[in-house]
Protein backbone atom coordinates (compact mmCIF):
# COMPACT_ATOMS: atom_id res chain seq x y z
CA UNK A 1 -47.27 -88.17 -49.03
CA UNK A 2 -45.04 -86.24 -51.34
CA UNK A 3 -42.22 -83.74 -50.83
CA UNK A 4 -44.08 -81.08 -51.48
CA UNK A 5 -46.29 -81.88 -48.63
CA UNK A 6 -44.19 -82.59 -45.49
CA UNK A 7 -42.64 -79.05 -46.39
CA UNK A 8 -46.00 -77.14 -46.36
CA UNK A 9 -46.75 -79.08 -43.15
CA UNK A 10 -43.18 -78.12 -41.51
CA UNK A 11 -43.77 -74.28 -42.41
CA UNK A 12 -47.21 -74.46 -40.83
CA UNK A 13 -45.84 -75.66 -37.84
CA UNK A 14 -43.10 -73.00 -37.63
CA UNK A 15 -45.26 -70.41 -37.70
CA UNK A 16 -47.68 -71.80 -35.12
CA UNK A 17 -44.34 -72.09 -32.74
CA UNK A 18 -43.31 -67.99 -33.65
CA UNK A 19 -47.04 -67.00 -32.82
CA UNK A 20 -47.49 -68.84 -29.64
CA UNK A 21 -44.01 -67.42 -28.65
CA UNK A 22 -44.58 -64.01 -29.59
CA UNK A 23 -47.88 -64.12 -27.54
CA UNK A 24 -46.30 -65.08 -24.35
CA UNK A 25 -43.74 -62.17 -24.38
CA UNK A 26 -46.37 -59.56 -24.75
CA UNK A 27 -48.62 -61.14 -22.17
CA UNK A 28 -45.59 -61.19 -20.30
CA UNK A 29 -44.58 -57.24 -20.85
CA UNK A 30 -48.71 -56.63 -20.23
CA UNK A 31 -48.40 -57.65 -16.93
CA UNK A 32 -45.46 -56.00 -16.02
CA UNK A 33 -46.57 -52.90 -16.87
CA UNK A 34 -49.86 -53.60 -15.14
CA UNK A 35 -48.46 -54.52 -11.60
CA UNK A 36 -45.85 -51.82 -11.52
CA UNK A 37 -48.68 -49.07 -11.90
CA UNK A 38 -50.43 -51.19 -9.17
CA UNK A 39 -47.67 -50.35 -6.90
CA UNK A 40 -46.91 -46.76 -7.39
CA UNK A 41 -50.44 -45.89 -7.46
CA UNK A 42 -50.62 -47.66 -4.04
CA UNK A 43 -47.46 -46.75 -2.02
CA UNK A 44 -48.32 -43.25 -3.31
CA UNK A 45 -51.05 -42.29 -0.86
CA UNK A 46 -48.75 -43.66 1.83
CA UNK A 47 -45.47 -41.95 1.28
CA UNK A 48 -48.04 -38.59 0.83
CA UNK A 49 -49.27 -39.72 4.32
CA UNK A 50 -45.96 -40.47 5.86
CA UNK A 51 -44.88 -37.01 5.26
CA UNK A 52 -47.88 -35.46 6.12
CA UNK A 53 -47.37 -37.26 9.62
CA UNK A 54 -43.32 -36.62 9.63
CA UNK A 55 -44.25 -32.46 8.96
CA UNK A 56 -46.90 -32.45 11.56
CA UNK A 57 -44.88 -34.51 14.17
CA UNK A 58 -41.76 -31.56 13.19
CA UNK A 59 -44.48 -28.54 13.47
CA UNK A 60 -45.85 -30.22 16.37
CA UNK A 61 -49.29 -29.05 18.03
CA UNK A 62 -50.95 -26.19 16.59
CA UNK A 63 -49.23 -22.94 17.92
CA UNK A 64 -46.86 -24.22 20.03
CA UNK A 65 -44.20 -22.12 18.58
CA UNK A 66 -46.44 -19.15 17.53
CA UNK A 67 -47.87 -18.51 21.25
CA UNK A 68 -44.00 -18.58 22.61
CA UNK A 69 -41.63 -15.55 22.51
CA UNK A 70 -38.01 -15.81 20.41
CA UNK A 71 -35.35 -16.55 22.55
CA UNK A 72 -32.65 -14.07 21.62
CA UNK A 73 -29.23 -13.00 23.06
CA UNK A 74 -28.64 -8.88 23.19
CA UNK A 75 -25.75 -6.44 23.29
CA UNK A 76 -26.24 -3.03 24.99
CA UNK A 77 -25.20 -0.04 22.78
CA UNK A 78 -22.39 2.01 24.73
CA UNK A 79 -20.17 5.00 24.13
CA UNK A 80 -16.20 4.65 23.26
CA UNK A 81 -13.99 7.12 21.98
CA UNK A 82 -13.03 5.88 18.35
CA UNK A 83 -9.89 6.40 16.60
CA UNK A 84 -10.83 6.44 12.61
CA UNK A 85 -7.95 4.95 10.29
CA UNK A 86 -7.94 4.50 6.67
CA UNK A 87 -6.04 1.55 6.06
CA UNK A 88 -3.49 0.48 2.85
CA UNK A 89 -1.06 -1.48 1.67
CA UNK A 90 2.19 0.13 1.61
CA UNK A 91 5.90 -0.39 0.46
CA UNK A 92 9.16 0.73 2.19
CA UNK A 93 11.47 2.67 0.65
CA UNK A 94 14.83 4.47 1.08
CA UNK A 95 14.54 8.12 2.42
CA UNK A 96 17.03 8.79 0.13
CA UNK A 97 18.81 6.66 -2.41
CA UNK A 98 22.42 8.10 -3.85
CA UNK A 99 24.15 6.51 -7.09
CA UNK A 100 27.75 7.76 -6.54
CA UNK A 101 29.81 8.54 -9.42
CA UNK A 102 33.09 10.62 -9.94
CA UNK A 103 33.12 13.67 -11.14
CA UNK A 104 36.46 13.63 -12.87
CA UNK A 105 37.40 11.28 -15.34
CA UNK A 106 40.38 8.72 -14.10
CA UNK A 107 41.61 5.55 -12.77
CA UNK A 108 40.24 3.95 -9.82
CA UNK A 109 43.03 3.76 -7.46
CA UNK A 110 41.52 2.71 -4.24
CA UNK A 111 38.24 2.36 -2.65
CA UNK A 112 37.43 2.76 1.33
CA UNK A 113 34.51 0.93 1.80
CA UNK A 114 33.25 -2.66 2.49
CA UNK A 115 30.21 -3.57 0.50
CA UNK A 116 27.25 -3.25 3.02
CA UNK A 117 29.12 -0.87 5.32
CA UNK A 118 26.96 2.13 7.13
CA UNK A 119 29.08 4.98 6.14
CA UNK A 120 28.29 8.64 7.55
CA UNK A 121 27.62 11.56 5.41
CA UNK A 122 31.53 13.09 4.08
CA UNK A 123 33.33 9.62 5.02
CA UNK A 124 35.50 8.80 2.43
CA UNK A 125 34.83 6.02 -0.33
CA UNK A 126 37.40 6.09 -3.18
CA UNK A 127 40.25 7.93 -4.68
CA UNK A 128 40.53 8.76 -8.15
CA UNK A 129 44.22 9.14 -9.54
CA UNK A 130 44.48 13.20 -9.57
CA UNK A 131 47.91 13.39 -10.74
CA UNK A 132 47.13 15.44 -14.35
CA UNK A 133 44.45 17.54 -12.08
CA UNK A 134 47.49 18.66 -9.75
CA UNK A 135 49.92 19.55 -12.85
CA UNK A 136 46.91 21.23 -14.09
CA UNK A 137 46.78 23.37 -10.76
CA UNK A 138 50.39 24.01 -10.57
CA UNK A 139 50.32 25.44 -14.38
CA UNK A 140 47.27 27.75 -13.31
CA UNK A 141 49.18 29.10 -10.14
CA UNK A 142 52.28 29.56 -12.33
CA UNK A 143 49.99 31.68 -14.76
CA UNK A 144 48.46 33.34 -11.89
CA UNK A 145 52.01 34.17 -9.96
CA UNK A 146 53.12 36.03 -13.43
CA UNK A 147 49.59 37.77 -13.94
CA UNK A 148 49.73 38.68 -10.49
CA UNK A 149 53.74 40.12 -10.90
CA UNK A 150 52.65 42.08 -14.01
CA UNK A 151 49.19 43.52 -12.56
CA UNK A 152 51.77 44.94 -9.77
CA UNK A 153 54.41 46.46 -12.07
CA UNK A 154 51.33 47.96 -14.04
CA UNK A 155 49.83 49.43 -10.81
CA UNK A 156 53.40 50.90 -9.91
CA UNK A 157 53.44 52.38 -13.32
CA UNK A 158 50.08 53.97 -13.42
CA UNK A 159 50.87 56.02 -10.06
CA UNK A 160 53.70 57.38 -11.36
CA UNK A 161 51.98 58.17 -14.63
CA UNK A 162 49.15 59.86 -12.51
CA UNK A 163 51.95 62.10 -10.53
CA UNK A 164 53.88 63.48 -13.95
CA UNK A 165 50.34 63.84 -15.50
CA UNK A 166 49.34 66.29 -12.70
CA UNK A 167 52.48 68.33 -13.08
CA UNK A 168 51.80 68.20 -16.68
CA UNK A 169 54.57 66.31 -17.63
CA UNK A 170 52.26 63.48 -19.47
CA UNK A 171 49.87 63.44 -22.06
CA UNK A 172 46.36 62.27 -20.87
CA UNK A 173 46.83 59.47 -23.98
CA UNK A 174 49.74 57.94 -21.68
CA UNK A 175 47.60 57.87 -18.79
CA UNK A 176 44.59 56.31 -20.43
CA UNK A 177 46.69 53.41 -21.74
CA UNK A 178 48.31 52.59 -18.59
CA UNK A 179 45.01 52.30 -16.90
CA UNK A 180 43.95 50.08 -19.56
CA UNK A 181 46.82 47.69 -19.20
CA UNK A 182 46.55 47.71 -15.29
CA UNK A 183 42.80 46.54 -16.21
CA UNK A 184 44.16 43.97 -18.47
CA UNK A 185 46.04 42.42 -16.07
CA UNK A 186 43.47 42.61 -13.10
CA UNK A 187 41.01 40.51 -15.65
CA UNK A 188 44.36 37.93 -16.03
CA UNK A 189 44.60 37.51 -12.49
CA UNK A 190 40.60 37.06 -12.27
CA UNK A 191 40.51 34.34 -14.83
CA UNK A 192 44.09 32.92 -13.38
CA UNK A 193 42.33 32.62 -10.02
CA UNK A 194 39.26 30.64 -11.32
CA UNK A 195 41.46 28.53 -13.06
CA UNK A 196 43.28 27.81 -10.03
CA UNK A 197 39.92 26.90 -8.05
CA UNK A 198 38.74 24.51 -10.79
CA UNK A 199 42.06 22.84 -10.67
CA UNK A 200 41.50 22.27 -6.33
CA UNK A 201 37.92 21.51 -7.23
CA UNK A 202 38.82 18.67 -9.58
CA UNK A 203 41.40 17.18 -7.24
CA UNK A 204 38.76 17.34 -4.25
CA UNK A 205 36.11 15.46 -6.61
CA UNK A 206 39.09 12.85 -7.23
CA UNK A 207 38.14 12.26 -3.68
CA UNK A 208 34.74 10.75 -3.55
CA UNK A 209 32.89 10.98 -0.22
CA UNK A 210 29.74 9.39 1.03
CA UNK A 211 26.63 12.48 0.17
CA UNK A 212 24.77 11.01 2.63
CA UNK A 213 24.92 8.59 5.81
CA UNK A 214 23.50 5.02 4.96
CA UNK A 215 24.33 1.76 3.99
CA UNK A 216 26.63 1.41 0.74
CA UNK A 217 25.56 -1.51 -1.75
CA UNK A 218 27.69 -4.22 -3.77
CA UNK A 219 30.96 -2.21 -5.65
CA UNK A 220 30.07 -1.61 -9.12
CA UNK A 221 33.48 -0.95 -10.34
CA UNK A 222 36.93 -2.56 -9.01
CA UNK A 223 39.92 -0.52 -8.31
CA UNK A 224 42.41 -0.10 -11.64
CA UNK A 225 39.59 0.33 -13.94
CA UNK A 226 39.38 3.73 -15.66
CA UNK A 227 36.03 5.62 -14.49
CA UNK A 228 34.28 8.39 -16.96
CA UNK A 229 32.87 12.10 -15.40
CA UNK A 230 29.35 11.81 -14.30
CA UNK A 231 28.71 8.46 -15.88
CA UNK A 232 30.71 5.59 -14.22
CA UNK A 233 28.55 4.13 -10.90
CA UNK A 234 30.94 3.19 -8.21
CA UNK A 235 28.42 2.31 -5.33
CA UNK A 236 25.00 3.33 -3.87
CA UNK A 237 24.44 4.67 -0.93
CA UNK A 238 20.48 4.06 1.11
CA UNK A 239 19.37 5.98 3.64
CA UNK A 240 17.56 3.65 6.18
CA UNK A 241 16.87 5.95 9.11
CA UNK A 242 14.92 7.71 8.98
CA UNK A 243 13.28 5.70 6.09
CA UNK A 244 9.89 6.34 4.24
CA UNK A 245 6.80 4.40 3.20
CA UNK A 246 4.38 5.11 0.23
CA UNK A 247 0.56 3.98 0.41
CA UNK A 248 -2.43 4.86 -1.81
CA UNK A 249 -6.10 5.81 -0.68
CA UNK A 250 -9.30 6.44 -2.34
CA UNK A 251 -9.92 9.43 -3.81
CA UNK A 252 -13.19 9.63 -1.94
CA UNK A 253 -10.96 10.14 1.23
CA UNK A 254 -8.43 12.50 0.07
CA UNK A 255 -10.52 15.89 1.02
CA UNK A 256 -9.87 15.52 4.50
CA UNK A 257 -6.31 14.00 4.16
CA UNK A 258 -5.61 17.19 2.02
CA UNK A 259 -7.01 19.94 3.70
CA UNK A 260 -5.31 18.67 7.27
CA UNK A 261 -2.07 18.10 5.49
CA UNK A 262 -2.07 21.46 3.76
CA UNK A 263 -3.34 23.35 7.65
CA UNK A 264 -0.13 21.84 9.57
CA UNK A 265 -1.90 18.90 10.72
CA UNK A 266 0.03 15.80 11.98
CA UNK A 267 -0.88 12.84 10.57
CA UNK A 268 0.35 9.78 12.47
CA UNK A 269 0.76 6.17 10.43
CA UNK A 270 1.54 2.86 11.80
CA UNK A 271 3.23 0.40 9.80
CA UNK A 272 2.66 -3.39 10.83
CA UNK A 273 3.77 -6.59 9.41
CA UNK A 274 2.86 -8.23 6.06
CA UNK A 275 0.52 -10.38 8.36
CA UNK A 276 -0.96 -7.21 9.88
CA UNK A 277 -0.81 -8.74 13.44
CA UNK A 278 2.69 -6.86 14.99
CA UNK A 279 2.98 -3.16 14.66
CA UNK A 280 6.71 -2.33 13.79
CA UNK A 281 7.03 1.33 13.10
CA UNK A 282 5.16 4.60 14.14
CA UNK A 283 5.80 7.93 11.90
CA UNK A 284 3.86 10.62 10.28
CA UNK A 285 2.59 11.52 7.41
CA UNK A 286 4.93 13.97 4.90
CA UNK A 287 4.16 14.19 1.89
CA UNK A 288 0.85 14.01 -0.89
CA UNK A 289 0.93 13.39 -4.49
CA UNK A 290 -0.07 16.27 -6.63
CA UNK A 291 -2.41 13.89 -9.28
CA UNK A 292 -4.99 11.02 -8.77
CA UNK A 293 -4.21 7.87 -10.82
CA UNK A 294 -6.85 7.39 -13.22
CA UNK A 295 -6.10 3.55 -13.64
CA UNK A 296 -7.22 3.46 -10.08
CA UNK A 297 -8.88 6.19 -8.41
CA UNK A 298 -6.26 6.67 -5.88
CA UNK A 299 -3.81 8.93 -4.41
CA UNK A 300 -0.25 7.98 -3.44
CA UNK A 301 1.23 8.97 0.07
CA UNK A 302 4.34 9.12 1.94
CA UNK A 303 5.16 8.85 5.40
CA UNK A 304 8.63 8.60 7.12
CA UNK A 305 9.40 6.69 10.07
CA UNK A 306 12.43 6.34 12.62
CA UNK A 307 14.11 3.45 12.02
CA UNK A 308 17.08 3.22 14.62
CA UNK A 309 16.02 -0.57 15.50
CA UNK A 310 16.46 -1.26 11.72
CA UNK A 311 12.57 -3.14 11.65
CA UNK A 312 11.88 -1.67 8.08
CA UNK A 313 13.87 -2.45 5.13
CA UNK A 314 13.93 -0.88 1.73
CA UNK A 315 10.98 -2.46 -0.46
CA UNK A 316 9.52 -4.18 2.35
CA UNK A 317 5.79 -4.63 2.08
CA UNK A 318 3.80 -3.28 5.44
CA UNK A 319 0.08 -2.93 6.48
CA UNK A 320 -0.25 1.17 7.08
CA UNK A 321 -2.83 2.67 8.97
CA UNK A 322 -3.07 6.21 8.69
CA UNK A 323 -5.21 7.79 11.65
CA UNK A 324 -7.47 10.41 10.23
CA UNK A 325 -9.60 11.65 13.54
CA UNK A 326 -10.85 10.74 16.59
CA UNK A 327 -14.72 10.37 17.26
CA UNK A 328 -15.14 11.04 21.07
CA UNK A 329 -18.41 9.29 22.68
CA UNK A 330 -19.09 7.47 19.50
CA UNK A 331 -21.97 4.98 20.34
CA UNK A 332 -20.95 1.28 19.54
CA UNK A 333 -23.05 -2.00 19.60
CA UNK A 334 -21.73 -5.39 18.85
CA UNK A 335 -21.25 -5.96 14.76
CA UNK A 336 -23.43 -8.93 14.95
CA UNK A 337 -26.41 -6.73 15.52
CA UNK A 338 -26.12 -5.01 12.38
CA UNK A 339 -28.19 -6.39 9.70
CA UNK A 340 -28.54 -5.20 6.03
CA UNK A 341 -31.84 -4.99 3.93
CA UNK A 342 -32.52 -3.32 0.23
CA UNK A 343 -33.38 -0.29 2.76
CA UNK A 344 -29.73 -0.49 4.05
CA UNK A 345 -28.84 -1.23 7.69
CA UNK A 346 -31.24 -1.56 10.49
CA UNK A 347 -31.02 -3.84 13.92
CA UNK A 348 -33.54 -4.92 16.31
CA UNK A 349 -33.73 -3.19 18.97
CA UNK A 350 -35.31 -4.47 22.45
CA UNK A 351 -38.28 -2.78 24.01
CA UNK A 352 -39.21 -2.34 27.73
CA UNK A 353 -42.29 -4.79 26.68
CA UNK A 354 -39.62 -7.18 25.45
CA UNK A 355 -41.22 -6.54 22.20
CA UNK A 356 -38.42 -5.60 19.56
CA UNK A 357 -38.35 -3.06 16.78
CA UNK A 358 -36.81 -3.08 13.34
CA UNK A 359 -34.94 0.40 13.23
CA UNK A 360 -32.75 1.86 10.18
CA UNK A 361 -29.76 3.24 11.14
CA UNK A 362 -26.30 4.57 10.07
CA UNK A 363 -23.61 2.89 10.63
CA UNK A 364 -19.67 4.50 11.05
CA UNK A 365 -16.40 2.75 11.49
CA UNK A 366 -15.04 -0.21 13.08
CA UNK A 367 -14.76 0.35 16.77
CA UNK A 368 -12.37 -3.03 16.93
CA UNK A 369 -12.72 -6.48 15.79
CA UNK A 370 -16.20 -7.05 17.49
CA UNK A 371 -18.07 -3.58 17.61
CA UNK A 372 -18.80 -0.75 15.01
CA UNK A 373 -19.92 2.85 15.20
CA UNK A 374 -23.46 3.52 14.68
CA UNK A 375 -23.97 7.15 13.81
CA UNK A 376 -27.75 7.34 13.67
CA UNK A 377 -30.43 5.50 14.85
CA UNK A 378 -29.48 3.82 18.31
CA UNK A 379 -29.25 5.77 21.48
CA UNK A 380 -26.98 4.79 24.56
CA UNK A 381 -28.21 2.05 26.75
CA UNK A 382 -30.80 0.28 24.15
CA UNK A 383 -30.57 -3.41 23.86
CA UNK A 384 -29.70 -4.65 20.31
CA UNK A 385 -30.53 -8.21 19.32
CA UNK A 386 -27.21 -10.08 18.49
CA UNK A 387 -28.05 -13.97 18.13
CA UNK A 388 -31.63 -15.59 17.42
CA UNK A 389 -33.03 -12.67 14.73
CA UNK A 390 -33.96 -15.04 11.83
CA UNK A 391 -37.56 -15.48 12.75
CA UNK A 392 -37.92 -11.86 14.19
CA UNK A 393 -40.37 -9.36 12.78
CA UNK A 394 -41.10 -5.64 14.04
CA UNK A 395 -42.88 -5.97 16.87
CA UNK A 396 -42.18 -9.69 17.78
CA UNK A 397 -41.97 -10.87 21.29
CA UNK A 398 -38.68 -12.03 22.68
CA UNK A 399 -37.16 -13.18 25.49
CA UNK A 400 -33.62 -11.94 26.45
CA UNK A 401 -31.26 -15.39 27.68
CA UNK A 402 -28.00 -14.74 29.46
CA UNK A 403 -25.05 -16.93 28.90
CA UNK A 404 -25.60 -18.79 32.27
CA UNK A 405 -29.08 -19.27 31.11
CA UNK A 406 -27.79 -21.11 27.94
CA UNK A 407 -25.43 -23.24 29.94
CA UNK A 408 -28.40 -24.55 32.20
């Protein structure tokens, strides 16, 4: 056997082995696919049957729930006097904040307050060196005394001239000149008196007093420094009793507040702590801004509070409640009974035949945390569904439960 014959036989065997392997792989893949399809086809009907059976078991016998009434809890519409409030976030501000400056220029000699001290209106706060103003005062007083003496002499001369003129011993020109001299000295005296008053005022300005009662802040300049008139700040005084708070309300609520305030009506305002849980002050609405904020569509209001207990502090955040009015004998129902649909608010009212009526209502403000005012749609004494209304429809039969029945 030649080498070519051996090579051809080896090649034929290799091709045969490869062909057999490919056929085995294809056969295994075909079997695998057929087995999976058969399993899915067999189990799908069983799963559908089990699902149907489970659904049937949940539904129970035909008509099990459709025949029985729906179990519900109800609340009764009652009357109540309800206060209507506007709520807002407010900021406490000092009723007055005054920055104390010197009205004269000079060296700050001494301060008479401690930082953070409470001071009364008119209490002495600081002393400016007033020696130059004292000297100016003495100068003006001397000029005044001189001109007063000249005026007195001129008036005596005028009186004598008038007598001589009456005796036809003096010309009219001399008399007129003397009258003018008297007028000149009188003017000089008035000018000197004004200068004296101005000098005294500067001396008084050198004694700085508290313009309002309140607490002083931190000292802004120390003794020994030169202070300039109307520019150097010495200290700030804030009046905290009474104290004020500013807050904003929507422009839609402006008219009842504006009309009442212009008519002299007093609107009570209540300030609560930052959590809104504890009332810390009660005051009165005093002022309203003269324009609406175009960025927010709100208008700013200001209320004042007595603050003797100092529960309010400048720049403190508080929750504000502005009392607008009181609704007398308003109809109220539990909040849980009020539902919302595309057509507006509605409730389910339980009739005498234990059937419910889906009734559209007009809701008002909250009466409290659990109840709400109904302005239209419900009468006093009617029962409204509060719990168990998910499957209700107009005319559905219901069974009213009580808490005692629920516990049993």
